[in-house]
């Protein structure tokens, strides 16, 4: 099985990245049938913790100014762009996406 060590598949729960503790799900290259990576699912307890954290965060988030929200979302977009290369690689293997295609 090929697995890009630079590519992490974590859950974001209460502001922290944590590994899924549930069943490992294989992801296949449809052209070869090869397992290219495995992703651990969230357990029911992890889903509950994520929902509870999101519910708690909602009150504070709803009180922030539009400017602060925009700043947070721009930081999130920047962080996402930094991780784009491994995700593009995974997408090409998993979905047959051409190298030259845009996001």
Protein backbone atom coordinates (compact mmCIF):
# COMPACT_ATOMS: atom_id res chain seq x y z
CA UNK A 1 0.00 0.00 0.00
CA UNK A 2 1.27 3.45 -0.94
CA UNK A 3 0.68 6.08 1.67
CA UNK A 4 1.99 9.60 1.46
CA UNK A 5 3.47 10.25 4.90
CA UNK A 6 3.08 13.98 4.33
CA UNK A 7 -0.66 13.54 4.03
CA UNK A 8 -2.45 13.33 7.33
CA UNK A 9 -6.06 12.39 7.76
CA UNK A 10 -7.01 13.76 11.12
CA UNK A 11 -10.20 15.04 12.65
CA UNK A 12 -10.49 18.57 13.98
CA UNK A 13 -12.27 18.36 17.32
CA UNK A 14 -12.39 21.27 19.73
CA UNK A 15 -9.51 23.02 17.99
CA UNK A 16 -7.21 19.98 18.04
CA UNK A 17 -6.23 17.53 15.33
CA UNK A 18 -6.87 13.99 16.51
CA UNK A 19 -6.66 10.63 14.79
CA UNK A 20 -9.88 8.83 14.02
CA UNK A 21 -10.35 5.93 16.41
CA UNK A 22 -12.92 4.05 14.34
CA UNK A 23 -12.72 1.48 11.60
CA UNK A 24 -10.00 1.94 8.99
CA UNK A 25 -11.46 2.44 5.54
CA UNK A 26 -9.31 1.65 2.49
CA UNK A 27 -9.11 4.12 -0.39
CA UNK A 28 -8.45 2.48 -3.75
CA UNK A 29 -6.82 3.50 -6.99
CA UNK A 30 -9.68 2.62 -9.36
CA UNK A 31 -7.29 1.94 -12.24
CA UNK A 32 -5.26 -0.69 -10.41
CA UNK A 33 -7.37 -1.71 -7.43
CA UNK A 34 -4.39 -0.95 -5.21
CA UNK A 35 -5.09 0.40 -1.73
CA UNK A 36 -3.43 3.81 -1.77
CA UNK A 37 -4.18 4.73 1.84
CA UNK A 38 -6.41 3.97 4.77
CA UNK A 39 -8.42 6.53 6.66
CA UNK A 40 -9.67 5.88 10.18
CA UNK A 41 -13.29 6.87 10.70
CA UNK A 42 -14.48 8.83 13.70
CA UNK A 43 -16.13 6.86 16.46
CA UNK A 44 -19.59 7.83 17.69
CA UNK A 45 -17.94 9.38 20.75
CA UNK A 46 -15.65 11.47 18.53
CA UNK A 47 -18.61 12.65 16.46
CA UNK A 48 -20.46 13.58 19.65
CA UNK A 49 -17.40 15.47 20.93
CA UNK A 50 -17.09 17.36 17.63
CA UNK A 51 -20.77 18.32 17.62
CA UNK A 52 -20.60 19.45 21.25
CA UNK A 53 -17.47 21.52 20.57
CA UNK A 54 -19.07 23.11 17.52
CA UNK A 55 -22.19 23.91 19.52
CA UNK A 56 -20.10 25.58 22.25
CA UNK A 57 -18.06 27.51 19.67
CA UNK A 58 -21.16 28.79 17.90
CA UNK A 59 -22.06 31.26 20.65
CA UNK A 60 -18.63 32.89 20.60
CA UNK A 61 -18.43 32.82 16.78
CA UNK A 62 -21.84 34.45 16.41
CA UNK A 63 -20.65 37.33 18.60
CA UNK A 64 -17.50 38.07 16.57
CA UNK A 65 -17.40 40.94 14.13
CA UNK A 66 -17.55 40.37 10.39
CA UNK A 67 -13.94 41.60 10.18
CA UNK A 68 -12.75 38.99 12.71
CA UNK A 69 -14.69 36.26 10.94
CA UNK A 70 -13.16 37.27 7.61
CA UNK A 71 -9.66 37.17 9.12
CA UNK A 72 -10.28 33.68 10.51
CA UNK A 73 -11.66 32.40 7.20
CA UNK A 74 -8.72 33.86 5.26
CA UNK A 75 -6.31 32.07 7.63
CA UNK A 76 -8.23 28.85 7.04
CA UNK A 77 -8.01 29.37 3.28
CA UNK A 78 -4.24 29.93 3.51
CA UNK A 79 -3.79 26.77 5.58
CA UNK A 80 -5.88 24.82 3.07
CA UNK A 81 -3.76 26.06 0.16
CA UNK A 82 -0.58 24.88 1.92
CA UNK A 83 -2.02 21.36 2.07
CA UNK A 84 -3.31 21.37 -1.48
CA UNK A 85 -0.40 19.52 -3.11
CA UNK A 86 -0.86 16.24 -1.18
CA UNK A 87 -4.62 16.40 -1.70
CA UNK A 88 -4.18 16.90 -5.44
CA UNK A 89 -1.91 13.86 -5.51
CA UNK A 90 -4.49 11.80 -3.63
CA UNK A 91 -7.29 13.04 -5.87
CA UNK A 92 -5.42 12.01 -9.01
CA UNK A 93 -4.86 8.51 -7.67
CA UNK A 94 -8.34 8.09 -6.24
CA UNK A 95 -10.41 9.74 -8.96
CA UNK A 96 -8.21 9.73 -12.04
CA UNK A 97 -8.05 13.53 -12.04
CA UNK A 98 -5.63 14.77 -14.76
CA UNK A 99 -2.38 16.39 -13.65
CA UNK A 100 -3.07 19.59 -15.56
CA UNK A 101 -6.56 20.21 -14.19
CA UNK A 102 -7.19 23.03 -11.76
CA UNK A 103 -8.43 22.48 -8.22
